[in-house]
N, C-alpha and C. Protein backbone atom coordinates (compact mmCIF):
# COMPACT_ATOMS: atom_id res chain seq x y z
N MET A 1 3.97 -2.85 -19.14
CA MET A 1 3.48 -2.94 -17.78
C MET A 1 4.64 -2.81 -16.80
N GLU A 2 4.36 -2.12 -15.71
CA GLU A 2 5.34 -1.97 -14.63
C GLU A 2 4.73 -2.50 -13.35
N ILE A 3 5.58 -2.67 -12.34
CA ILE A 3 5.17 -3.19 -11.04
C ILE A 3 5.54 -2.18 -9.96
N ALA A 4 4.63 -1.97 -9.01
CA ALA A 4 4.89 -1.18 -7.81
C ALA A 4 4.50 -2.04 -6.62
N THR A 5 5.24 -1.93 -5.52
CA THR A 5 4.93 -2.70 -4.31
C THR A 5 4.90 -1.73 -3.13
N PHE A 6 3.72 -1.62 -2.50
CA PHE A 6 3.50 -0.66 -1.42
C PHE A 6 2.91 -1.33 -0.19
N GLY A 7 3.34 -0.86 0.97
CA GLY A 7 2.73 -1.23 2.24
C GLY A 7 2.13 0.02 2.88
N THR A 8 0.85 -0.02 3.18
CA THR A 8 0.19 1.13 3.81
C THR A 8 -0.63 0.70 5.02
N GLY A 9 -0.22 -0.37 5.66
CA GLY A 9 -1.01 -0.92 6.75
C GLY A 9 -1.69 -2.18 6.24
N CYS A 10 -2.94 -2.35 6.59
CA CYS A 10 -3.70 -3.53 6.18
C CYS A 10 -3.81 -3.59 4.66
N PHE A 11 -3.45 -4.72 4.08
CA PHE A 11 -3.48 -4.81 2.62
C PHE A 11 -4.88 -4.82 2.05
N TRP A 12 -5.88 -5.12 2.85
CA TRP A 12 -7.26 -5.06 2.35
C TRP A 12 -7.61 -3.63 1.92
N CYS A 13 -7.19 -2.65 2.72
CA CYS A 13 -7.46 -1.24 2.40
C CYS A 13 -6.69 -0.82 1.15
N THR A 14 -5.42 -1.17 1.11
CA THR A 14 -4.56 -0.79 0.00
C THR A 14 -5.10 -1.34 -1.31
N GLU A 15 -5.46 -2.60 -1.29
CA GLU A 15 -5.99 -3.27 -2.47
C GLU A 15 -7.25 -2.57 -2.98
N ALA A 16 -8.18 -2.29 -2.07
CA ALA A 16 -9.46 -1.68 -2.46
C ALA A 16 -9.26 -0.31 -3.09
N VAL A 17 -8.27 0.45 -2.62
CA VAL A 17 -7.99 1.77 -3.18
C VAL A 17 -7.39 1.65 -4.57
N PHE A 18 -6.29 0.92 -4.69
CA PHE A 18 -5.55 0.90 -5.96
C PHE A 18 -6.29 0.16 -7.07
N GLN A 19 -7.21 -0.74 -6.74
CA GLN A 19 -7.98 -1.43 -7.78
C GLN A 19 -8.85 -0.47 -8.58
N GLN A 20 -9.15 0.69 -8.04
CA GLN A 20 -10.05 1.62 -8.70
C GLN A 20 -9.38 2.58 -9.67
N LEU A 21 -8.07 2.59 -9.73
CA LEU A 21 -7.36 3.56 -10.54
C LEU A 21 -7.29 3.17 -12.01
N LYS A 22 -7.49 4.15 -12.87
CA LYS A 22 -7.29 3.99 -14.31
C LYS A 22 -5.85 3.61 -14.57
N GLY A 23 -5.61 2.60 -15.34
CA GLY A 23 -4.25 2.19 -15.68
C GLY A 23 -3.71 1.08 -14.80
N VAL A 24 -4.38 0.79 -13.69
CA VAL A 24 -3.97 -0.32 -12.84
C VAL A 24 -4.61 -1.59 -13.39
N LYS A 25 -3.78 -2.56 -13.71
CA LYS A 25 -4.28 -3.79 -14.33
C LYS A 25 -4.55 -4.88 -13.31
N SER A 26 -3.75 -4.93 -12.23
CA SER A 26 -4.01 -5.93 -11.18
C SER A 26 -3.40 -5.46 -9.87
N VAL A 27 -4.01 -5.91 -8.78
CA VAL A 27 -3.52 -5.64 -7.43
C VAL A 27 -3.58 -6.96 -6.67
N VAL A 28 -2.44 -7.39 -6.15
CA VAL A 28 -2.37 -8.65 -5.41
C VAL A 28 -1.88 -8.36 -4.00
N SER A 29 -2.64 -8.82 -3.01
CA SER A 29 -2.24 -8.67 -1.61
C SER A 29 -1.21 -9.73 -1.26
N GLY A 30 -0.22 -9.32 -0.46
CA GLY A 30 0.80 -10.28 -0.06
C GLY A 30 1.76 -9.69 0.95
N PHE A 31 2.98 -10.23 0.93
CA PHE A 31 3.98 -9.90 1.94
C PHE A 31 5.32 -9.64 1.27
N SER A 32 6.07 -8.69 1.82
CA SER A 32 7.40 -8.39 1.29
C SER A 32 8.25 -7.77 2.40
N GLY A 33 9.56 -7.84 2.21
CA GLY A 33 10.48 -7.15 3.10
C GLY A 33 10.98 -7.94 4.29
N GLY A 34 10.67 -9.22 4.35
CA GLY A 34 11.07 -10.01 5.51
C GLY A 34 12.08 -11.09 5.20
N HIS A 35 12.34 -11.93 6.21
CA HIS A 35 13.36 -12.97 6.09
C HIS A 35 12.80 -14.39 6.03
N VAL A 36 11.49 -14.55 6.14
CA VAL A 36 10.88 -15.88 6.13
C VAL A 36 10.39 -16.18 4.71
N GLU A 37 10.79 -17.33 4.19
CA GLU A 37 10.36 -17.75 2.84
C GLU A 37 8.92 -18.23 2.90
N ASN A 38 8.12 -17.84 1.90
CA ASN A 38 6.74 -18.29 1.76
C ASN A 38 5.93 -18.20 3.06
N PRO A 39 5.88 -17.01 3.66
CA PRO A 39 5.18 -16.89 4.94
C PRO A 39 3.67 -17.00 4.77
N SER A 40 3.03 -17.45 5.83
CA SER A 40 1.57 -17.45 5.88
C SER A 40 1.11 -16.17 6.58
N TYR A 41 -0.15 -15.84 6.41
CA TYR A 41 -0.72 -14.69 7.11
C TYR A 41 -0.54 -14.86 8.61
N GLU A 42 -0.79 -16.05 9.11
CA GLU A 42 -0.67 -16.31 10.55
C GLU A 42 0.75 -16.04 11.04
N GLN A 43 1.76 -16.33 10.23
CA GLN A 43 3.14 -16.04 10.61
C GLN A 43 3.41 -14.53 10.59
N VAL A 44 2.95 -13.87 9.53
CA VAL A 44 3.24 -12.44 9.37
C VAL A 44 2.60 -11.61 10.49
N VAL A 45 1.38 -11.94 10.88
CA VAL A 45 0.71 -11.13 11.91
C VAL A 45 1.38 -11.23 13.28
N THR A 46 2.29 -12.17 13.47
CA THR A 46 3.01 -12.22 14.73
C THR A 46 4.04 -11.08 14.83
N GLY A 47 4.38 -10.47 13.69
CA GLY A 47 5.35 -9.39 13.67
C GLY A 47 6.79 -9.86 13.74
N THR A 48 7.02 -11.16 13.60
CA THR A 48 8.38 -11.70 13.75
C THR A 48 9.05 -12.11 12.44
N THR A 49 8.34 -11.99 11.32
CA THR A 49 8.89 -12.45 10.03
C THR A 49 9.67 -11.35 9.31
N GLY A 50 9.51 -10.11 9.74
CA GLY A 50 10.11 -8.99 9.04
C GLY A 50 9.31 -8.50 7.85
N HIS A 51 8.28 -9.25 7.47
CA HIS A 51 7.47 -8.87 6.30
C HIS A 51 6.46 -7.79 6.65
N ALA A 52 6.15 -6.99 5.65
CA ALA A 52 5.05 -6.03 5.72
C ALA A 52 3.90 -6.58 4.89
N GLU A 53 2.67 -6.26 5.30
CA GLU A 53 1.53 -6.50 4.43
C GLU A 53 1.64 -5.49 3.29
N VAL A 54 1.63 -5.96 2.06
CA VAL A 54 1.81 -5.09 0.90
C VAL A 54 0.82 -5.46 -0.19
N CYS A 55 0.75 -4.59 -1.16
CA CYS A 55 0.06 -4.91 -2.41
C CYS A 55 1.05 -4.73 -3.54
N GLN A 56 1.04 -5.70 -4.45
CA GLN A 56 1.84 -5.58 -5.65
C GLN A 56 0.89 -5.16 -6.77
N ILE A 57 1.23 -4.03 -7.38
CA ILE A 57 0.35 -3.37 -8.33
C ILE A 57 0.98 -3.42 -9.71
N GLN A 58 0.27 -4.03 -10.65
CA GLN A 58 0.71 -4.02 -12.04
C GLN A 58 -0.03 -2.87 -12.72
N PHE A 59 0.74 -1.97 -13.37
CA PHE A 59 0.11 -0.79 -13.96
C PHE A 59 0.71 -0.46 -15.31
N ASP A 60 -0.10 0.22 -16.12
CA ASP A 60 0.31 0.69 -17.44
C ASP A 60 0.81 2.12 -17.28
N SER A 61 2.11 2.32 -17.39
CA SER A 61 2.69 3.65 -17.16
C SER A 61 2.30 4.66 -18.23
N ASP A 62 1.68 4.21 -19.32
CA ASP A 62 1.15 5.15 -20.31
C ASP A 62 -0.17 5.75 -19.83
N GLN A 63 -0.82 5.08 -18.87
CA GLN A 63 -2.10 5.57 -18.34
C GLN A 63 -1.98 6.20 -16.97
N ILE A 64 -1.06 5.70 -16.15
CA ILE A 64 -0.84 6.25 -14.82
C ILE A 64 0.63 6.09 -14.47
N SER A 65 1.21 7.16 -13.97
CA SER A 65 2.65 7.13 -13.68
C SER A 65 2.92 6.58 -12.28
N PHE A 66 4.15 6.17 -12.06
CA PHE A 66 4.57 5.74 -10.73
C PHE A 66 4.40 6.89 -9.74
N GLU A 67 4.69 8.10 -10.18
CA GLU A 67 4.51 9.27 -9.31
C GLU A 67 3.04 9.46 -8.92
N ASN A 68 2.12 9.25 -9.86
CA ASN A 68 0.69 9.32 -9.54
C ASN A 68 0.31 8.25 -8.52
N LEU A 69 0.86 7.05 -8.67
CA LEU A 69 0.59 5.99 -7.69
C LEU A 69 1.10 6.41 -6.31
N LEU A 70 2.26 7.06 -6.26
CA LEU A 70 2.80 7.52 -4.98
C LEU A 70 1.93 8.60 -4.34
N GLU A 71 1.33 9.46 -5.16
CA GLU A 71 0.41 10.46 -4.62
C GLU A 71 -0.76 9.77 -3.92
N VAL A 72 -1.31 8.75 -4.56
CA VAL A 72 -2.39 7.98 -3.93
C VAL A 72 -1.87 7.30 -2.67
N PHE A 73 -0.68 6.72 -2.74
CA PHE A 73 -0.06 6.07 -1.59
C PHE A 73 0.00 7.03 -0.40
N PHE A 74 0.56 8.22 -0.58
CA PHE A 74 0.72 9.14 0.54
C PHE A 74 -0.59 9.75 1.02
N GLU A 75 -1.56 9.89 0.13
CA GLU A 75 -2.82 10.52 0.50
C GLU A 75 -3.82 9.57 1.14
N THR A 76 -3.56 8.26 1.11
CA THR A 76 -4.57 7.30 1.60
C THR A 76 -4.15 6.53 2.84
N HIS A 77 -3.08 6.95 3.49
CA HIS A 77 -2.72 6.37 4.79
C HIS A 77 -1.89 7.41 5.55
N ASP A 78 -1.58 7.12 6.80
CA ASP A 78 -0.78 8.03 7.61
C ASP A 78 0.68 7.58 7.56
N PRO A 79 1.51 8.27 6.77
CA PRO A 79 2.91 7.85 6.63
C PRO A 79 3.79 8.31 7.79
N THR A 80 3.20 8.89 8.83
CA THR A 80 3.98 9.40 9.96
C THR A 80 3.96 8.47 11.17
N THR A 81 3.19 7.40 11.10
CA THR A 81 3.12 6.49 12.24
C THR A 81 3.99 5.27 11.97
N LEU A 82 4.93 5.04 12.87
CA LEU A 82 5.85 3.93 12.71
C LEU A 82 5.17 2.62 13.12
N ASN A 83 5.12 1.69 12.17
CA ASN A 83 4.57 0.35 12.44
C ASN A 83 3.14 0.38 12.95
N ARG A 84 2.34 1.27 12.38
CA ARG A 84 0.95 1.37 12.83
C ARG A 84 0.10 2.10 11.78
N GLN A 85 -1.11 1.60 11.61
CA GLN A 85 -2.15 2.31 10.86
C GLN A 85 -3.45 2.09 11.62
N GLY A 86 -3.99 3.15 12.19
CA GLY A 86 -5.21 3.02 12.98
C GLY A 86 -5.01 2.07 14.13
N ASN A 87 -5.90 1.08 14.25
CA ASN A 87 -5.81 0.10 15.33
C ASN A 87 -4.88 -1.06 15.00
N ASP A 88 -4.36 -1.10 13.78
CA ASP A 88 -3.43 -2.16 13.38
C ASP A 88 -2.01 -1.72 13.73
N TYR A 89 -1.32 -2.52 14.54
CA TYR A 89 0.04 -2.13 14.90
C TYR A 89 0.98 -3.33 14.85
N GLY A 90 2.24 -3.02 14.61
CA GLY A 90 3.29 -4.02 14.46
C GLY A 90 4.05 -3.73 13.17
N PRO A 91 5.26 -4.28 13.03
CA PRO A 91 6.08 -3.99 11.85
C PRO A 91 5.43 -4.44 10.53
N GLN A 92 4.49 -5.37 10.61
CA GLN A 92 3.81 -5.82 9.40
C GLN A 92 2.88 -4.75 8.83
N TYR A 93 2.59 -3.70 9.60
CA TYR A 93 1.71 -2.62 9.15
C TYR A 93 2.48 -1.34 8.84
N ARG A 94 3.78 -1.45 8.61
CA ARG A 94 4.58 -0.26 8.36
C ARG A 94 4.28 0.36 7.00
N SER A 95 4.58 1.64 6.91
CA SER A 95 4.48 2.37 5.65
C SER A 95 5.74 2.10 4.86
N ALA A 96 5.61 1.52 3.67
CA ALA A 96 6.80 1.11 2.92
C ALA A 96 6.58 1.18 1.42
N ILE A 97 7.64 1.61 0.75
CA ILE A 97 7.71 1.58 -0.71
C ILE A 97 8.88 0.66 -1.05
N PHE A 98 8.58 -0.43 -1.74
CA PHE A 98 9.63 -1.36 -2.18
C PHE A 98 9.88 -1.08 -3.66
N TYR A 99 10.96 -0.36 -3.95
CA TYR A 99 11.20 0.06 -5.33
C TYR A 99 11.80 -1.08 -6.16
N HIS A 100 11.39 -1.11 -7.45
CA HIS A 100 11.82 -2.15 -8.37
C HIS A 100 12.95 -1.71 -9.28
N THR A 101 13.13 -0.40 -9.43
CA THR A 101 14.18 0.14 -10.28
C THR A 101 14.81 1.35 -9.59
N GLU A 102 15.97 1.73 -10.07
CA GLU A 102 16.62 2.94 -9.54
C GLU A 102 15.75 4.17 -9.81
N GLU A 103 15.09 4.20 -10.95
CA GLU A 103 14.19 5.32 -11.25
C GLU A 103 13.05 5.39 -10.24
N GLN A 104 12.46 4.26 -9.88
CA GLN A 104 11.41 4.26 -8.85
C GLN A 104 11.95 4.77 -7.51
N ARG A 105 13.17 4.38 -7.15
CA ARG A 105 13.77 4.86 -5.89
C ARG A 105 13.90 6.37 -5.91
N GLU A 106 14.42 6.92 -7.01
CA GLU A 106 14.61 8.36 -7.12
C GLU A 106 13.27 9.10 -7.03
N ILE A 107 12.27 8.59 -7.72
CA ILE A 107 10.95 9.22 -7.69
C ILE A 107 10.36 9.13 -6.28
N ALA A 108 10.49 7.97 -5.64
CA ALA A 108 9.95 7.78 -4.29
C ALA A 108 10.62 8.74 -3.30
N GLU A 109 11.92 8.89 -3.37
CA GLU A 109 12.64 9.80 -2.47
C GLU A 109 12.17 11.25 -2.70
N ARG A 110 12.03 11.63 -3.96
CA ARG A 110 11.60 13.00 -4.29
C ARG A 110 10.18 13.27 -3.80
N VAL A 111 9.27 12.34 -4.06
CA VAL A 111 7.87 12.53 -3.66
C VAL A 111 7.75 12.51 -2.14
N LYS A 112 8.48 11.62 -1.49
CA LYS A 112 8.45 11.59 -0.01
C LYS A 112 8.93 12.93 0.54
N SER A 113 10.01 13.47 0.00
CA SER A 113 10.53 14.77 0.46
C SER A 113 9.52 15.88 0.24
N LYS A 114 8.85 15.85 -0.91
CA LYS A 114 7.83 16.86 -1.22
C LYS A 114 6.70 16.79 -0.19
N TYR A 115 6.21 15.60 0.09
CA TYR A 115 5.13 15.46 1.06
C TYR A 115 5.60 15.81 2.47
N ASP A 116 6.83 15.45 2.81
CA ASP A 116 7.35 15.77 4.14
C ASP A 116 7.43 17.29 4.34
N ALA A 117 7.80 18.01 3.28
CA ALA A 117 7.92 19.47 3.36
C ALA A 117 6.57 20.19 3.23
N SER A 118 5.53 19.46 2.86
CA SER A 118 4.23 20.09 2.58
C SER A 118 3.51 20.64 3.80
N GLY A 119 3.84 20.11 4.97
CA GLY A 119 3.13 20.54 6.17
C GLY A 119 1.78 19.86 6.35
N ASN A 120 1.47 18.87 5.51
CA ASN A 120 0.19 18.15 5.63
C ASN A 120 0.09 17.39 6.94
N TRP A 121 1.23 17.00 7.50
CA TRP A 121 1.26 16.23 8.74
C TRP A 121 2.08 16.98 9.77
N LYS A 122 1.71 16.82 11.03
CA LYS A 122 2.43 17.49 12.11
C LYS A 122 3.73 16.78 12.46
N LYS A 123 3.83 15.51 12.11
CA LYS A 123 5.03 14.72 12.40
C LYS A 123 5.74 14.39 11.08
N PRO A 124 7.03 14.05 11.16
CA PRO A 124 7.76 13.69 9.93
C PRO A 124 7.30 12.35 9.36
N ILE A 125 7.44 12.21 8.07
CA ILE A 125 7.09 10.97 7.38
C ILE A 125 8.16 9.91 7.71
N VAL A 126 7.69 8.71 8.07
CA VAL A 126 8.59 7.61 8.42
C VAL A 126 8.55 6.48 7.39
N THR A 127 7.96 6.73 6.25
CA THR A 127 7.85 5.71 5.20
C THR A 127 9.24 5.17 4.84
N GLU A 128 9.33 3.86 4.87
CA GLU A 128 10.57 3.16 4.49
C GLU A 128 10.61 3.07 2.96
N ILE A 129 11.77 3.36 2.39
CA ILE A 129 11.99 3.18 0.95
C ILE A 129 13.12 2.17 0.81
N THR A 130 12.77 0.97 0.33
CA THR A 130 13.69 -0.16 0.34
C THR A 130 13.66 -0.88 -1.01
N ALA A 131 14.79 -1.40 -1.40
CA ALA A 131 14.85 -2.18 -2.65
C ALA A 131 13.95 -3.42 -2.53
N PHE A 132 13.18 -3.65 -3.56
CA PHE A 132 12.32 -4.84 -3.63
C PHE A 132 13.20 -6.08 -3.72
N ASP A 133 12.80 -7.11 -2.98
CA ASP A 133 13.51 -8.39 -3.07
C ASP A 133 12.55 -9.47 -3.56
N LYS A 134 11.60 -9.85 -2.70
CA LYS A 134 10.65 -10.91 -3.06
C LYS A 134 9.25 -10.51 -2.63
N PHE A 135 8.30 -11.08 -3.32
CA PHE A 135 6.88 -10.88 -3.00
C PHE A 135 6.25 -12.26 -2.85
N TYR A 136 5.47 -12.41 -1.79
CA TYR A 136 4.75 -13.66 -1.55
C TYR A 136 3.26 -13.33 -1.51
N PRO A 137 2.47 -13.83 -2.46
CA PRO A 137 1.03 -13.57 -2.42
C PRO A 137 0.41 -14.13 -1.15
N ALA A 138 -0.54 -13.40 -0.60
CA ALA A 138 -1.30 -13.88 0.56
C ALA A 138 -2.26 -14.97 0.10
N GLU A 139 -2.81 -15.66 1.06
CA GLU A 139 -3.77 -16.73 0.79
C GLU A 139 -4.95 -16.18 -0.01
N ASP A 140 -5.61 -17.06 -0.75
CA ASP A 140 -6.71 -16.67 -1.64
C ASP A 140 -7.80 -15.87 -0.95
N TYR A 141 -8.12 -16.20 0.30
CA TYR A 141 -9.22 -15.50 0.96
C TYR A 141 -8.91 -14.03 1.24
N HIS A 142 -7.63 -13.62 1.12
CA HIS A 142 -7.26 -12.21 1.30
C HIS A 142 -7.38 -11.41 0.00
N GLN A 143 -7.46 -12.08 -1.13
CA GLN A 143 -7.50 -11.40 -2.42
C GLN A 143 -8.91 -10.85 -2.67
N ASN A 144 -8.96 -9.63 -3.19
CA ASN A 144 -10.25 -8.97 -3.48
C ASN A 144 -11.14 -8.95 -2.25
N TYR A 145 -10.55 -8.74 -1.10
CA TYR A 145 -11.26 -8.90 0.17
C TYR A 145 -12.48 -7.98 0.28
N PHE A 146 -12.30 -6.70 -0.01
CA PHE A 146 -13.42 -5.77 0.11
C PHE A 146 -14.53 -6.11 -0.88
N LYS A 147 -14.16 -6.42 -2.11
CA LYS A 147 -15.17 -6.76 -3.13
C LYS A 147 -15.95 -8.02 -2.73
N ASN A 148 -15.25 -8.97 -2.11
CA ASN A 148 -15.89 -10.23 -1.74
C ASN A 148 -16.60 -10.20 -0.39
N ASN A 149 -16.30 -9.20 0.44
CA ASN A 149 -16.84 -9.15 1.81
C ASN A 149 -17.30 -7.74 2.19
N PRO A 150 -18.08 -7.06 1.36
CA PRO A 150 -18.40 -5.65 1.64
C PRO A 150 -19.16 -5.42 2.94
N ASN A 151 -19.84 -6.42 3.46
CA ASN A 151 -20.62 -6.24 4.68
C ASN A 151 -19.89 -6.69 5.94
N GLN A 152 -18.66 -7.20 5.79
CA GLN A 152 -17.87 -7.57 6.96
C GLN A 152 -17.56 -6.29 7.74
N GLY A 153 -17.47 -6.38 9.07
CA GLY A 153 -17.31 -5.21 9.93
C GLY A 153 -16.14 -4.31 9.55
N TYR A 154 -14.94 -4.87 9.37
CA TYR A 154 -13.77 -4.07 9.02
C TYR A 154 -13.99 -3.36 7.69
N CYS A 155 -14.62 -4.05 6.76
CA CYS A 155 -14.88 -3.45 5.45
C CYS A 155 -15.84 -2.27 5.57
N ARG A 156 -16.90 -2.44 6.34
CA ARG A 156 -17.92 -1.38 6.47
C ARG A 156 -17.43 -0.17 7.24
N TYR A 157 -16.63 -0.41 8.29
CA TYR A 157 -16.28 0.70 9.18
C TYR A 157 -14.89 1.28 8.97
N VAL A 158 -14.02 0.58 8.25
CA VAL A 158 -12.68 1.09 7.99
C VAL A 158 -12.46 1.32 6.49
N ILE A 159 -12.70 0.30 5.68
CA ILE A 159 -12.39 0.41 4.25
C ILE A 159 -13.39 1.30 3.52
N ALA A 160 -14.68 1.12 3.75
CA ALA A 160 -15.69 1.91 3.02
C ALA A 160 -15.50 3.42 3.22
N PRO A 161 -15.31 3.92 4.45
CA PRO A 161 -15.08 5.36 4.61
C PRO A 161 -13.78 5.82 3.93
N LYS A 162 -12.76 4.99 3.98
CA LYS A 162 -11.50 5.33 3.31
C LYS A 162 -11.72 5.45 1.80
N LEU A 163 -12.50 4.53 1.24
CA LEU A 163 -12.79 4.58 -0.20
C LEU A 163 -13.61 5.81 -0.56
N GLN A 164 -14.55 6.20 0.27
CA GLN A 164 -15.35 7.40 -0.01
C GLN A 164 -14.47 8.63 -0.08
N LYS A 165 -13.57 8.78 0.86
CA LYS A 165 -12.63 9.91 0.86
C LYS A 165 -11.74 9.84 -0.37
N PHE A 166 -11.21 8.66 -0.66
CA PHE A 166 -10.34 8.46 -1.83
C PHE A 166 -11.07 8.86 -3.11
N GLU A 167 -12.32 8.40 -3.27
CA GLU A 167 -13.08 8.67 -4.50
C GLU A 167 -13.32 10.16 -4.70
N LYS A 168 -13.52 10.91 -3.63
CA LYS A 168 -13.68 12.37 -3.75
C LYS A 168 -12.37 13.03 -4.17
N THR A 169 -11.28 12.62 -3.56
CA THR A 169 -9.98 13.23 -3.81
C THR A 169 -9.44 12.89 -5.19
N PHE A 170 -9.63 11.66 -5.64
CA PHE A 170 -9.01 11.18 -6.87
C PHE A 170 -10.01 10.83 -7.97
N LYS A 171 -11.15 11.50 -7.99
CA LYS A 171 -12.21 11.12 -8.93
C LYS A 171 -11.76 11.15 -10.39
N LEU A 172 -10.83 11.99 -10.75
CA LEU A 172 -10.38 12.07 -12.14
C LEU A 172 -9.45 10.92 -12.53
N LYS A 173 -8.94 10.20 -11.54
CA LYS A 173 -8.02 9.09 -11.82
C LYS A 173 -8.70 7.72 -11.73
N LEU A 174 -10.00 7.70 -11.47
CA LEU A 174 -10.71 6.44 -11.31
C LEU A 174 -10.94 5.76 -12.65
N GLY A 175 -10.87 4.43 -12.64
CA GLY A 175 -11.05 3.65 -13.86
C GLY A 175 -12.48 3.37 -14.17
């Protein structure tokens, strides 16, 4: 088993996407990249902790590669907006890859360059690629948020359409 840690804006969206992939064993919503120890959600949303909302993904690299995870990462959010995804804004919503090994860093840099050169976006990719330090799980009510709250407004109008697009694009990688 390997670990990947990604920030793509709101962790509820990220979690709902990556939970569906073949080879992904667990997805935990939380915080990484900041200077505050054991932050709460209420602290992180102020934008002053330095943390990003992230998901820590445990995956079987025999079933899905880190590079495949990065393809999903880049295809399911806008990596060209600094500290913003949709209506969510602030440094806690930044696009970020927190690499766990030198190999992950090299793959992340290569894949980011490939996507930046692809012309898929009109603006350059601003995704941060940073060494992983610590991960703090979010409070229990944030875990499995979409599965537990499918009729909540944000889930119906933001996450559900994102999942529909994701399922069409990545149908062969679904678990």
